[in-house]
Amino acid sequence: MSSSYKLEFYKEPLLEFAHSQKSDYCKDGLFLYGPLKNQTEISYGVIGHEEGIKRFENWISAINSYIRSADAKKLHFSSYPGFKSIFGTNLKLIDNAKIYVDKNTILNKIKQDNINKAIYETVNLYREKLIHYKNNEESIPNIWFVIIPEEVHQYGRSQSIVPKNERIPSNMLCTKKMKAQSIAGQPSLFPEINEQAKVYDYGTDFRRQLKARLLKEKIPIQIIRETSIAPNDFLDSRNQPTRDVQDPATIAWNLSTTMMFKAGCKPWKLANIRKGVCYIGLVFKKLDKYNRSGNACCGAQMFLDTGDGLVFKGAIGNWLDKTNNEFHLTKDKAKDLMKNILEEYRRGQGEYPKELFIHGRTYFNDAEWDGFLEAAQNTITKLIGIRITRSTNELKLYRLDGNRPIVRGTAFKVSNNKAYLWTSGYVERFNTYPGFSVPNPIAIEICRGNEELDTVIKDIFALTKINFNSCAFGDSVPVTLKFADAVGDILTAAPNEDVPPLPFIYYI
C-alpha cells in the first residue's frame, strides 16, 4: 500500500433549523427547535375510495397525537411527539376537497387484460377529478393525498400479472406491434385503432404515470398505499399483516416531513454549505418503447444549499455510446441543458453560481464537457465534474476489534482526485449500525475541472442529509443521485415534450 494513501474521518454534517439552531439529526432538530420555515396552517385534500379515505382520516387523527417508539432501547427508533408539537402547524382538510372514487370502478380498470390500457384508465380516474377540482374551485390545497387500494399497487406496475380468473377484457384492438408500425409511418386505416394506440405512449407504472400526467397542472401529490397507514386492516390466514411496513412512529415522521416539504415549508437546510454553490445530478433514462435501441431522455436535478430542487427535462435522443455502454450528450445538447440550468439559477438567485458541481454515474466525455464549458463561458461559474458510483466489491474495511462496522463518515483517499466515502456504517448518535450487511462505500472521483478533494467529500457527505422524502439520519448516496432513477422514470412516463423546469416536489 502506498504511503500516500490516507484514511480520514469526517464529522457528521450539521443541519440548520428554526432560530439558526443546529443539529446533526433531523428528528432532534425538528423536535427541539422546529422546522426552518413553516406556516401556521397546511391545507390538504384527499382522493380515494370510501374505505381508503376513512383509513387516512384515522391516520391523520393519530399523527396529531403522540406515537410511541417501536423500541425505546434502540436510539435509531424515535417516538413521534405529534404533528403540531413538531412543526407548530395545523393541518386542515379543505371542506370540499374530499373526492371519492368508486372502488369497483378502480378494480374494473386496473384488472383489464391490457396493462397499458389498465394503468392509463386507472390514472384517469384520479387525474381527471384532481384537474376538475383545480379548474372549478377557489380553495386549492397545499397538497393532495392520493389513497390507493392495494390492488392498484399490485397490478399497476410493469411486471404485474392479473390472475386469469380476475382479468377483465379490455377490448383493445391496437397491439404494441401496431403502435410500432404507426411510429414507423404506417398508421392504421381505422381511426379507433389509432385512438387506442395513445395508451402505449405512457409508462406502465401507476405512480410514475400519475405524477407525469400532473406535471403541467402543478398539482403536488403524495400517493399512499392503504397498507402503509392501516397494516392491521389487512391480515393473512395467520392473522398477521399481509405486508411488512415500518413502525407507526417512523411512518408518521417520514410522511409528515414529506408533507411539509411538498406544502411549501422547509424542514431544514444544510448548515455549513458555501454560498453561491449549486449541485446538479445528471439523469439518463433509456426509452425502451417500440424497440428504439439507444434512445434515452436526459434530465438534470439542481439542488441548492437550502435543499430546494428543480428538475430540468433535456433532449431525447440516441445518447448511447455503444463502445462503453454509457449515455452521453452531444456538445450542442450539453450546452443547451447547461445554459438552461445557469439561467434558471440566475433568475432565482439574482446572479450565476460561483461553483457548479455536476454529479454523474459515468465519466463526462470531451464533447459533453466542452458543451457545458461553452454554456458557462460568459459567466462567473466554475464547473466541476464528479463521478459517483456505489462500490460493492472494490473495497471493504473492517475494524480491528471486529465488534462494530466502520464508522459512517470514514474516507479512504487513494489519490488527489479520488476517494471512497462510507456514508453508511456505525453511527455514534445511535451507538449502533442501523444496517444488516458489511457497509459499502461510494466512490468519488473528480474527473473534470479542479477542486480540493476534501471540499468535494464534505459536500457530498452533506448532500446525504437533505432527503425530505423521509426523516432519516442520512442516506447512502447524495440527493443529487438518490432520486435519479425515480426522476428519470417520471420524465419518461408520459409524452411531455415541453415540461418547464419544475420544483422537485412534483417528482418525489
Protein backbone atom coordinates (compact mmCIF):
# COMPACT_ATOMS: atom_id res chain seq x y z
CA MET A 1 0.00 0.00 0.00
CA SER A 2 1.34 3.42 -0.95
CA SER A 3 2.21 5.70 1.95
CA SER A 4 0.31 8.50 0.17
CA TYR A 5 -3.00 6.76 0.86
CA LYS A 6 -4.95 8.36 3.68
CA LEU A 7 -7.79 7.17 5.90
CA GLU A 8 -9.67 10.13 7.38
CA PHE A 9 -12.83 10.71 9.37
CA TYR A 10 -15.37 13.44 8.57
CA LYS A 11 -17.73 14.71 11.25
CA GLU A 12 -21.43 14.32 10.66
CA PRO A 13 -22.68 17.37 8.69
CA LEU A 14 -24.87 19.80 10.60
CA LEU A 15 -28.39 20.84 9.68
CA GLU A 16 -29.97 24.19 10.44
CA PHE A 17 -33.45 24.57 11.92
CA ALA A 18 -35.56 27.41 13.31
CA HIS A 19 -33.80 30.28 15.12
CA SER A 20 -30.49 29.31 13.41
CA GLN A 21 -30.17 26.29 15.70
CA LYS A 22 -28.11 23.33 14.52
CA SER A 23 -28.14 19.56 14.96
CA ASP A 24 -26.72 16.62 13.06
CA TYR A 25 -30.01 14.68 13.31
CA CYS A 26 -33.17 15.93 11.63
CA LYS A 27 -35.56 14.42 14.22
CA ASP A 28 -33.67 16.01 17.10
CA GLY A 29 -33.61 19.37 15.36
CA LEU A 30 -37.29 19.33 14.46
CA PHE A 31 -38.35 18.33 17.97
CA LEU A 32 -36.04 20.74 19.83
CA TYR A 33 -36.14 23.79 17.56
CA GLY A 34 -38.86 23.32 14.94
CA PRO A 35 -38.62 23.49 11.14
CA LEU A 36 -36.52 26.10 9.39
CA LYS A 37 -39.58 27.61 7.74
CA ASN A 38 -43.21 26.75 8.37
CA GLN A 39 -46.67 28.25 8.18
CA THR A 40 -49.49 28.38 10.68
CA GLU A 41 -51.68 26.07 8.63
CA ILE A 42 -51.31 23.46 5.89
CA SER A 43 -54.40 22.72 3.85
CA TYR A 44 -54.83 19.38 2.20
CA GLY A 45 -57.22 17.40 0.07
CA VAL A 46 -57.71 13.66 -0.19
CA ILE A 47 -58.87 11.45 -3.04
CA GLY A 48 -59.59 7.73 -2.88
CA HIS A 49 -62.30 5.17 -2.36
CA GLU A 50 -64.54 5.40 0.71
CA GLU A 51 -62.76 2.88 2.95
CA GLY A 52 -59.34 4.21 1.97
CA ILE A 53 -60.32 7.76 2.92
CA LYS A 54 -61.65 6.55 6.28
CA ARG A 55 -58.33 4.84 6.96
CA PHE A 56 -56.49 8.01 6.01
CA GLU A 57 -58.69 10.11 8.32
CA ASN A 58 -57.88 7.73 11.17
CA TRP A 59 -54.17 8.10 10.40
CA ILE A 60 -54.38 11.92 10.30
CA SER A 61 -56.09 11.82 13.68
CA ALA A 62 -53.34 9.54 15.02
CA ILE A 63 -50.45 11.80 13.94
CA ASN A 64 -51.95 14.69 15.85
CA SER A 65 -51.05 12.75 18.99
CA TYR A 66 -48.01 11.05 20.48
CA ILE A 67 -46.93 7.77 18.85
CA ARG A 68 -44.64 5.54 20.87
CA SER A 69 -41.27 4.40 19.52
CA ALA A 70 -41.06 0.84 18.21
CA ASP A 71 -38.21 0.09 20.63
CA ALA A 72 -37.25 2.58 23.34
CA LYS A 73 -33.95 0.75 23.91
CA LYS A 74 -32.77 1.40 20.35
CA LEU A 75 -31.76 5.00 19.73
CA HIS A 76 -32.38 4.87 15.98
CA PHE A 77 -36.09 4.46 16.73
CA SER A 78 -37.78 7.70 17.80
CA SER A 79 -41.19 8.34 19.27
CA TYR A 80 -43.36 10.76 17.33
CA PRO A 81 -44.49 13.70 19.53
CA GLY A 82 -47.40 14.75 17.31
CA PHE A 83 -47.60 16.86 14.16
CA LYS A 84 -48.24 20.24 15.78
CA SER A 85 -45.72 19.58 18.55
CA ILE A 86 -43.03 19.07 15.92
CA PHE A 87 -43.94 21.55 13.22
CA GLY A 88 -46.04 24.15 15.03
CA THR A 89 -48.53 23.88 12.19
CA ASN A 90 -52.20 22.97 11.96
CA LEU A 91 -53.49 20.51 9.37
CA LYS A 92 -56.73 21.49 7.71
CA LEU A 93 -58.85 19.50 5.28
CA ILE A 94 -60.50 21.89 2.84
CA ASP A 95 -64.25 21.39 3.16
CA ASN A 96 -65.00 20.16 -0.36
CA ALA A 97 -61.57 18.66 -1.09
CA LYS A 98 -62.59 15.12 -0.21
CA ILE A 99 -63.04 13.30 -3.51
CA TYR A 100 -64.41 9.78 -3.72
CA VAL A 101 -63.55 7.29 -6.44
CA ASP A 102 -65.68 4.16 -6.62
CA LYS A 103 -63.60 1.11 -5.66
CA ASN A 104 -65.37 -1.27 -8.04
CA THR A 105 -64.63 1.11 -10.89
CA ILE A 106 -60.97 1.23 -9.83
CA LEU A 107 -60.74 -2.57 -9.78
CA ASN A 108 -62.51 -2.91 -13.13
CA LYS A 109 -59.95 -0.57 -14.69
CA ILE A 110 -56.75 -1.90 -13.10
CA LYS A 111 -57.61 -5.56 -13.75
CA GLN A 112 -58.01 -5.19 -17.53
CA ASP A 113 -56.04 -7.70 -19.58
CA ASN A 114 -54.08 -5.00 -21.39
CA ILE A 115 -51.71 -3.40 -18.84
CA ASN A 116 -51.19 -0.22 -20.88
CA LYS A 117 -54.89 0.49 -21.04
CA ALA A 118 -55.44 -0.66 -17.45
CA ILE A 119 -52.94 1.81 -15.98
CA TYR A 120 -53.84 4.66 -18.34
CA GLU A 121 -57.53 4.47 -17.46
CA THR A 122 -56.91 3.96 -13.73
CA VAL A 123 -54.73 7.07 -13.71
CA ASN A 124 -57.56 8.92 -15.47
CA LEU A 125 -59.93 8.14 -12.58
CA TYR A 126 -57.75 10.20 -10.22
CA ARG A 127 -56.22 12.69 -12.64
CA GLU A 128 -59.46 13.95 -14.16
CA LYS A 129 -61.06 14.55 -10.76
CA LEU A 130 -57.99 16.44 -9.48
CA ILE A 131 -57.84 18.64 -12.59
CA HIS A 132 -61.59 19.29 -12.46
CA TYR A 133 -61.25 20.40 -8.83
CA LYS A 134 -58.35 22.71 -9.66
CA ASN A 135 -60.23 24.31 -12.54
CA ASN A 136 -63.50 24.82 -10.70
CA GLU A 137 -62.76 25.52 -7.03
CA GLU A 138 -61.36 28.59 -5.33
CA SER A 139 -59.66 26.98 -2.33
CA ILE A 140 -56.71 24.96 -3.58
CA PRO A 141 -55.00 22.59 -1.10
CA ASN A 142 -51.27 22.86 -0.45
CA ILE A 143 -51.05 19.11 -1.04
CA TRP A 144 -53.27 16.25 -2.19
CA PHE A 145 -53.17 12.78 -0.67
CA VAL A 146 -53.94 10.04 -3.17
CA ILE A 147 -55.05 6.91 -1.33
CA ILE A 148 -54.82 3.78 -3.46
CA PRO A 149 -56.11 0.28 -2.72
CA GLU A 150 -53.50 -2.45 -2.64
CA GLU A 151 -54.69 -3.81 -6.00
CA VAL A 152 -53.54 -0.63 -7.75
CA HIS A 153 -50.03 -1.11 -6.38
CA GLN A 154 -50.14 -4.85 -7.08
CA TYR A 155 -51.32 -4.67 -10.68
CA GLY A 156 -50.26 -1.15 -11.61
CA ARG A 157 -46.62 -1.97 -12.35
CA SER A 158 -44.69 -3.15 -15.40
CA GLN A 159 -44.30 -6.82 -14.50
CA SER A 160 -47.72 -7.20 -12.88
CA ILE A 161 -49.92 -10.11 -13.88
CA VAL A 162 -53.61 -10.20 -13.00
CA PRO A 163 -54.80 -13.76 -12.21
CA LYS A 164 -56.64 -15.28 -15.17
CA ASN A 165 -59.89 -15.67 -13.31
CA GLU A 166 -59.88 -11.96 -12.36
CA ARG A 167 -58.93 -10.44 -15.70
CA ILE A 168 -61.40 -8.12 -17.37
CA PRO A 169 -61.45 -7.85 -21.19
CA SER A 170 -60.04 -4.52 -22.33
CA ASN A 171 -61.42 -4.80 -25.87
CA MET A 172 -58.17 -3.43 -27.23
CA LEU A 173 -57.87 -3.69 -31.00
CA CYS A 174 -54.49 -1.97 -31.15
CA THR A 175 -51.43 -4.00 -30.21
CA LYS A 176 -47.90 -2.83 -29.40
CA LYS A 177 -46.83 -4.07 -32.82
CA MET A 178 -49.47 -1.88 -34.48
CA LYS A 179 -48.26 1.08 -32.41
CA ALA A 180 -44.67 0.44 -33.53
CA GLN A 181 -45.83 0.33 -37.15
CA SER A 182 -47.66 3.62 -36.63
CA ILE A 183 -44.49 5.21 -35.27
CA ALA A 184 -42.66 3.93 -38.35
CA GLY A 185 -45.15 5.78 -40.57
CA GLN A 186 -47.71 3.03 -41.13
CA PRO A 187 -50.80 4.13 -39.15
CA SER A 188 -53.94 2.02 -39.20
CA LEU A 189 -56.74 2.79 -41.60
CA PHE A 190 -59.18 2.55 -38.69
CA PRO A 191 -59.47 5.73 -36.53
CA GLU A 192 -60.47 3.80 -33.40
CA ILE A 193 -57.24 1.79 -33.55
CA ASN A 194 -55.16 4.96 -33.88
CA GLU A 195 -57.04 6.44 -30.93
CA GLN A 196 -56.37 3.37 -28.80
CA ALA A 197 -52.68 3.50 -29.73
CA LYS A 198 -52.04 6.51 -27.49
CA VAL A 199 -52.04 4.35 -24.34
CA TYR A 200 -48.71 2.90 -25.48
CA ASP A 201 -47.11 6.36 -25.20
CA TYR A 202 -47.31 6.12 -21.42
CA GLY A 203 -45.30 4.16 -18.88
CA THR A 204 -46.75 1.07 -17.25
CA ASP A 205 -46.46 2.17 -13.64
CA PHE A 206 -49.42 3.84 -11.94
CA ARG A 207 -47.41 6.03 -9.58
CA ARG A 208 -44.99 7.32 -12.21
CA GLN A 209 -47.67 7.90 -14.81
CA LEU A 210 -49.96 9.80 -12.45
CA LYS A 211 -47.12 12.12 -11.40
CA ALA A 212 -46.01 12.58 -15.01
CA ARG A 213 -49.51 13.45 -16.19
CA LEU A 214 -49.95 16.03 -13.42
CA LEU A 215 -46.67 17.88 -14.07
CA LYS A 216 -48.19 20.51 -16.34
CA GLU A 217 -51.01 21.04 -13.85
CA LYS A 218 -48.52 21.59 -10.99
CA ILE A 219 -50.59 19.59 -8.53
CA PRO A 220 -48.42 18.29 -5.65
CA ILE A 221 -49.50 14.82 -4.57
CA GLN A 222 -48.50 12.19 -2.04
CA ILE A 223 -49.52 8.68 -3.05
CA ILE A 224 -50.24 6.42 -0.07
CA ARG A 225 -50.99 2.72 -0.05
CA GLU A 226 -53.69 1.72 2.44
CA THR A 227 -51.42 -0.92 3.90
CA SER A 228 -48.87 1.78 4.82
CA ILE A 229 -51.22 3.58 7.18
CA ALA A 230 -53.51 0.71 8.27
CA PRO A 231 -51.46 -2.52 8.09
CA ASN A 232 -53.59 -4.24 10.73
CA ASP A 233 -56.66 -3.94 8.50
CA PHE A 234 -55.07 -6.37 6.06
CA LEU A 235 -54.35 -9.72 7.70
CA ASP A 236 -53.42 -13.10 6.26
CA SER A 237 -54.67 -16.57 7.31
CA ARG A 238 -52.34 -16.48 10.35
CA ASN A 239 -53.85 -13.19 11.46
CA GLN A 240 -50.62 -11.35 10.56
CA PRO A 241 -50.37 -8.20 8.41
CA THR A 242 -50.04 -9.13 4.75
CA ARG A 243 -47.23 -6.61 4.32
CA ASP A 244 -44.22 -5.70 6.43
CA VAL A 245 -44.12 -1.95 6.95
CA GLN A 246 -42.16 0.43 9.13
CA ASP A 247 -43.39 1.06 12.66
CA PRO A 248 -46.17 3.70 13.05
CA ALA A 249 -43.86 6.34 14.55
CA THR A 250 -41.35 6.10 11.69
CA ILE A 251 -44.12 6.24 9.08
CA ALA A 252 -45.51 9.34 10.82
CA TRP A 253 -42.07 11.04 10.82
CA ASN A 254 -41.47 10.25 7.16
CA LEU A 255 -44.88 11.15 5.75
CA SER A 256 -45.26 14.33 7.79
CA THR A 257 -41.80 15.58 6.75
CA THR A 258 -42.66 14.91 3.10
CA MET A 259 -46.00 16.64 3.60
CA MET A 260 -44.32 19.76 4.98
CA PHE A 261 -41.83 19.92 2.12
CA LYS A 262 -44.45 19.44 -0.60
CA ALA A 263 -46.71 22.02 1.05
CA GLY A 264 -44.01 24.67 0.60
CA CYS A 265 -42.44 24.62 4.06
CA LYS A 266 -38.76 23.98 4.75
CA PRO A 267 -37.98 21.31 7.37
CA TRP A 268 -34.22 22.07 7.48
CA LYS A 269 -31.23 23.05 5.36
CA LEU A 270 -27.52 22.34 5.33
CA ALA A 271 -25.78 24.48 7.92
CA ASN A 272 -22.30 24.97 6.51
CA ILE A 273 -22.50 24.77 2.72
CA ARG A 274 -20.74 27.61 0.93
CA LYS A 275 -22.94 30.32 -0.61
CA GLY A 276 -23.20 30.51 -4.37
CA VAL A 277 -22.73 26.78 -4.84
CA CYS A 278 -25.06 24.65 -6.92
CA TYR A 279 -25.23 20.88 -7.37
CA ILE A 280 -26.52 19.06 -10.43
CA GLY A 281 -27.40 15.39 -10.71
CA LEU A 282 -27.36 14.21 -14.33
CA VAL A 283 -30.06 11.70 -15.27
CA PHE A 284 -30.38 9.44 -18.30
CA LYS A 285 -33.39 7.18 -18.70
CA LYS A 286 -33.48 4.69 -21.52
CA LEU A 287 -36.58 4.62 -23.69
CA ASP A 288 -37.34 1.00 -24.49
CA LYS A 289 -40.71 1.61 -26.11
CA TYR A 290 -41.10 0.30 -29.64
CA ASN A 291 -37.53 -1.11 -29.57
CA ARG A 292 -35.84 2.25 -30.15
CA SER A 293 -32.44 0.99 -29.08
CA GLY A 294 -30.14 3.61 -27.62
CA ASN A 295 -32.77 6.32 -27.27
CA ALA A 296 -32.87 8.00 -23.88
CA CYS A 297 -34.22 11.06 -22.13
CA CYS A 298 -31.72 13.30 -20.40
CA GLY A 299 -32.65 15.29 -17.35
CA ALA A 300 -30.92 17.21 -14.60
CA GLN A 301 -31.75 17.75 -10.93
CA MET A 302 -30.50 21.03 -9.49
CA PHE A 303 -30.11 21.43 -5.72
CA LEU A 304 -29.18 24.46 -3.63
CA ASP A 305 -27.81 24.54 -0.09
CA THR A 306 -31.37 25.02 1.16
CA GLY A 307 -32.45 21.67 -0.23
CA ASP A 308 -34.61 23.36 -2.86
CA GLY A 309 -34.52 21.46 -6.11
CA LEU A 310 -35.56 21.89 -9.72
CA VAL A 311 -35.83 19.24 -12.39
CA PHE A 312 -34.92 20.04 -15.99
CA LYS A 313 -36.01 17.85 -18.87
CA GLY A 314 -33.32 17.73 -21.53
CA ALA A 315 -33.47 16.39 -25.03
CA ILE A 316 -34.48 12.90 -26.12
CA GLY A 317 -32.07 11.24 -28.49
CA ASN A 318 -29.77 8.37 -29.23
CA TRP A 319 -27.28 9.15 -26.47
CA LEU A 320 -25.95 5.61 -26.04
CA ASP A 321 -22.23 5.20 -26.70
CA LYS A 322 -22.06 1.52 -27.58
CA THR A 323 -18.29 1.30 -27.10
CA ASN A 324 -18.65 1.61 -23.33
CA ASN A 325 -22.45 1.25 -22.95
CA GLU A 326 -22.75 4.75 -21.42
CA PHE A 327 -25.05 7.66 -22.19
CA HIS A 328 -23.53 10.98 -23.25
CA LEU A 329 -24.96 14.18 -24.71
CA THR A 330 -23.68 15.81 -27.86
CA LYS A 331 -21.85 19.09 -27.44
CA ASP A 332 -24.86 21.16 -28.59
CA LYS A 333 -27.35 19.40 -26.33
CA ALA A 334 -24.99 19.61 -23.35
CA LYS A 335 -24.62 23.33 -23.99
CA ASP A 336 -28.40 23.82 -24.21
CA LEU A 337 -29.02 21.95 -20.96
CA MET A 338 -26.31 23.79 -19.03
CA LYS A 339 -27.41 27.17 -20.36
CA ASN A 340 -30.95 26.44 -19.19
CA ILE A 341 -29.66 25.47 -15.74
CA LEU A 342 -27.46 28.55 -15.37
CA GLU A 343 -30.18 30.96 -16.47
CA GLU A 344 -32.73 29.37 -14.16
CA TYR A 345 -30.30 29.70 -11.24
CA ARG A 346 -29.69 33.35 -12.09
CA ARG A 347 -33.44 34.03 -12.26
CA GLY A 348 -33.92 32.56 -8.82
CA GLN A 349 -30.78 33.84 -7.07
CA GLY A 350 -30.06 37.10 -8.92
CA GLU A 351 -26.65 36.00 -10.19
CA TYR A 352 -24.86 32.99 -11.64
CA PRO A 353 -23.46 30.39 -9.24
CA LYS A 354 -19.81 30.69 -8.27
CA GLU A 355 -19.33 26.94 -8.42
CA LEU A 356 -21.45 24.29 -10.08
CA PHE A 357 -20.77 20.63 -9.34
CA ILE A 358 -22.13 18.10 -11.84
CA HIS A 359 -22.67 14.66 -10.33
CA GLY A 360 -22.95 11.68 -12.65
CA ARG A 361 -22.51 7.93 -12.62
CA THR A 362 -20.20 7.92 -15.63
CA TYR A 363 -17.25 9.96 -16.82
CA PHE A 364 -18.03 13.02 -18.94
CA ASN A 365 -16.69 12.73 -22.49
CA ASP A 366 -14.92 15.59 -24.28
CA ALA A 367 -17.88 16.72 -26.39
CA GLU A 368 -20.22 16.72 -23.42
CA TRP A 369 -17.83 18.68 -21.23
CA ASP A 370 -16.99 21.17 -23.99
CA GLY A 371 -20.71 21.90 -24.30
CA PHE A 372 -21.02 22.52 -20.56
CA LEU A 373 -17.98 24.83 -20.60
CA GLU A 374 -19.23 26.78 -23.60
CA ALA A 375 -22.55 27.46 -21.84
CA ALA A 376 -20.68 28.86 -18.81
CA GLN A 377 -18.20 30.88 -20.87
CA ASN A 378 -19.59 34.35 -20.15
CA THR A 379 -20.48 33.71 -16.51
CA ILE A 380 -18.59 33.65 -13.22
CA THR A 381 -19.35 29.94 -12.83
CA LYS A 382 -16.64 27.38 -12.29
CA LEU A 383 -17.68 23.86 -13.38
CA ILE A 384 -16.51 20.68 -11.68
CA GLY A 385 -17.47 17.19 -12.85
CA ILE A 386 -17.77 14.44 -10.23
CA ARG A 387 -18.29 10.75 -10.88
CA ILE A 388 -20.08 8.97 -8.02
CA THR A 389 -20.66 5.23 -8.00
CA ARG A 390 -21.63 2.60 -5.46
CA SER A 391 -18.66 0.45 -4.58
CA THR A 392 -19.82 -3.03 -3.61
CA ASN A 393 -16.81 -5.19 -4.39
CA GLU A 394 -13.91 -2.78 -4.92
CA LEU A 395 -13.04 -2.20 -1.29
CA LYS A 396 -14.19 -3.25 2.18
CA LEU A 397 -12.77 -2.11 5.51
CA TYR A 398 -13.14 -3.82 8.88
CA ARG A 399 -12.38 -2.50 12.37
CA LEU A 400 -9.73 -4.34 14.33
CA ASP A 401 -11.96 -5.13 17.31
CA GLY A 402 -14.45 -6.83 15.00
CA ASN A 403 -17.41 -5.81 17.13
CA ARG A 404 -18.63 -2.81 15.15
CA PRO A 405 -18.51 -1.94 11.47
CA ILE A 406 -16.62 1.03 10.06
CA VAL A 407 -17.89 4.45 11.16
CA ARG A 408 -20.11 6.48 8.84
CA GLY A 409 -18.02 9.40 7.60
CA THR A 410 -14.80 7.45 7.09
CA ALA A 411 -13.00 8.29 3.84
CA PHE A 412 -10.14 6.47 2.14
CA LYS A 413 -8.25 8.80 -0.20
CA VAL A 414 -6.42 6.93 -2.94
CA SER A 415 -5.21 9.98 -4.90
CA ASN A 416 -5.63 13.74 -5.08
CA ASN A 417 -8.86 13.34 -7.02
CA LYS A 418 -10.39 10.05 -5.86
CA ALA A 419 -11.67 8.70 -2.54
CA TYR A 420 -14.02 6.13 -1.07
CA LEU A 421 -16.54 7.51 1.42
CA TRP A 422 -18.53 5.36 3.83
CA THR A 423 -21.95 7.01 4.02
CA SER A 424 -23.33 4.02 5.90
CA GLY A 425 -21.81 2.43 8.96
CA TYR A 426 -21.65 2.78 12.72
CA VAL A 427 -23.36 5.96 13.97
CA GLU A 428 -22.27 7.29 17.34
CA ARG A 429 -25.60 9.06 17.88
CA PHE A 430 -27.33 5.67 17.86
CA ASN A 431 -24.49 3.63 19.35
CA THR A 432 -25.10 1.10 16.58
CA TYR A 433 -25.00 0.44 12.87
CA PRO A 434 -28.62 0.55 11.64
CA GLY A 435 -27.97 -1.96 8.87
CA PHE A 436 -27.52 -5.66 8.24
CA SER A 437 -24.58 -6.29 5.90
CA VAL A 438 -21.00 -5.01 5.82
CA PRO A 439 -21.20 -1.30 4.88
CA ASN A 440 -20.01 -0.43 1.38
CA PRO A 441 -18.58 2.96 0.39
CA ILE A 442 -19.36 5.20 -2.54
CA ALA A 443 -16.51 6.01 -4.91
CA ILE A 444 -16.00 9.74 -5.53
CA GLU A 445 -13.80 10.96 -8.36
CA ILE A 446 -13.12 14.49 -9.62
CA CYS A 447 -12.95 13.78 -13.34
CA ARG A 448 -13.35 17.28 -14.80
CA GLY A 449 -12.32 20.69 -13.50
CA ASN A 450 -10.39 21.40 -10.32
CA GLU A 451 -11.41 21.41 -6.69
CA GLU A 452 -9.93 20.21 -3.42
CA LEU A 453 -10.93 16.60 -2.80
CA ASP A 454 -11.58 17.44 0.85
CA THR A 455 -14.19 20.03 -0.19
CA VAL A 456 -15.88 17.60 -2.57
CA ILE A 457 -16.10 14.88 0.09
CA LYS A 458 -17.61 17.26 2.66
CA ASP A 459 -20.20 18.50 0.14
CA ILE A 460 -21.25 15.03 -0.95
CA PHE A 461 -21.45 13.83 2.65
CA ALA A 462 -23.68 16.80 3.49
CA LEU A 463 -25.92 16.08 0.49
CA THR A 464 -26.80 12.69 2.01
CA LYS A 465 -28.82 14.57 4.66
CA ILE A 466 -31.40 16.56 2.64
CA ASN A 467 -33.77 13.86 1.53
CA PHE A 468 -37.13 15.37 2.54
CA ASN A 469 -38.92 12.24 1.33
CA SER A 470 -38.04 10.70 4.68
CA CYS A 471 -36.79 11.81 8.06
CA ALA A 472 -33.67 9.67 8.19
CA PHE A 473 -30.28 10.37 9.75
CA GLY A 474 -28.62 10.15 6.34
CA ASP A 475 -28.75 8.32 3.03
CA SER A 476 -26.07 6.20 1.41
CA VAL A 477 -25.90 8.45 -1.67
CA PRO A 478 -26.23 12.24 -2.10
CA VAL A 479 -29.63 13.65 -3.01
CA THR A 480 -28.29 14.59 -6.45
CA LEU A 481 -28.26 10.90 -7.38
CA LYS A 482 -30.64 9.43 -4.77
CA PHE A 483 -33.71 10.09 -6.92
CA ALA A 484 -32.05 9.97 -10.34
CA ASP A 485 -33.81 6.79 -11.45
CA ALA A 486 -37.16 7.88 -10.00
CA VAL A 487 -36.99 11.26 -11.74
CA GLY A 488 -35.99 9.58 -15.00
CA ASP A 489 -38.92 7.19 -14.70
CA ILE A 490 -41.37 10.07 -14.31
CA LEU A 491 -39.78 12.11 -17.12
CA THR A 492 -40.35 9.20 -19.49
CA ALA A 493 -43.74 8.02 -18.17
CA ALA A 494 -45.70 10.41 -20.40
CA PRO A 495 -45.01 12.25 -23.67
CA ASN A 496 -44.47 15.63 -22.00
CA GLU A 497 -42.13 17.18 -24.55
CA ASP A 498 -42.33 20.76 -23.27
CA VAL A 499 -42.17 20.36 -19.49
CA PRO A 500 -40.61 23.51 -17.99
CA PRO A 501 -38.16 23.36 -15.05
CA LEU A 502 -40.31 22.34 -12.09
CA PRO A 503 -39.67 22.08 -8.36
CA PHE A 504 -38.52 18.71 -7.09
CA ILE A 505 -41.76 18.33 -5.05
CA TYR A 506 -43.65 17.23 -8.17
CA TYR A 507 -41.32 14.29 -8.73
CA ILE A 508 -40.79 12.68 -5.31
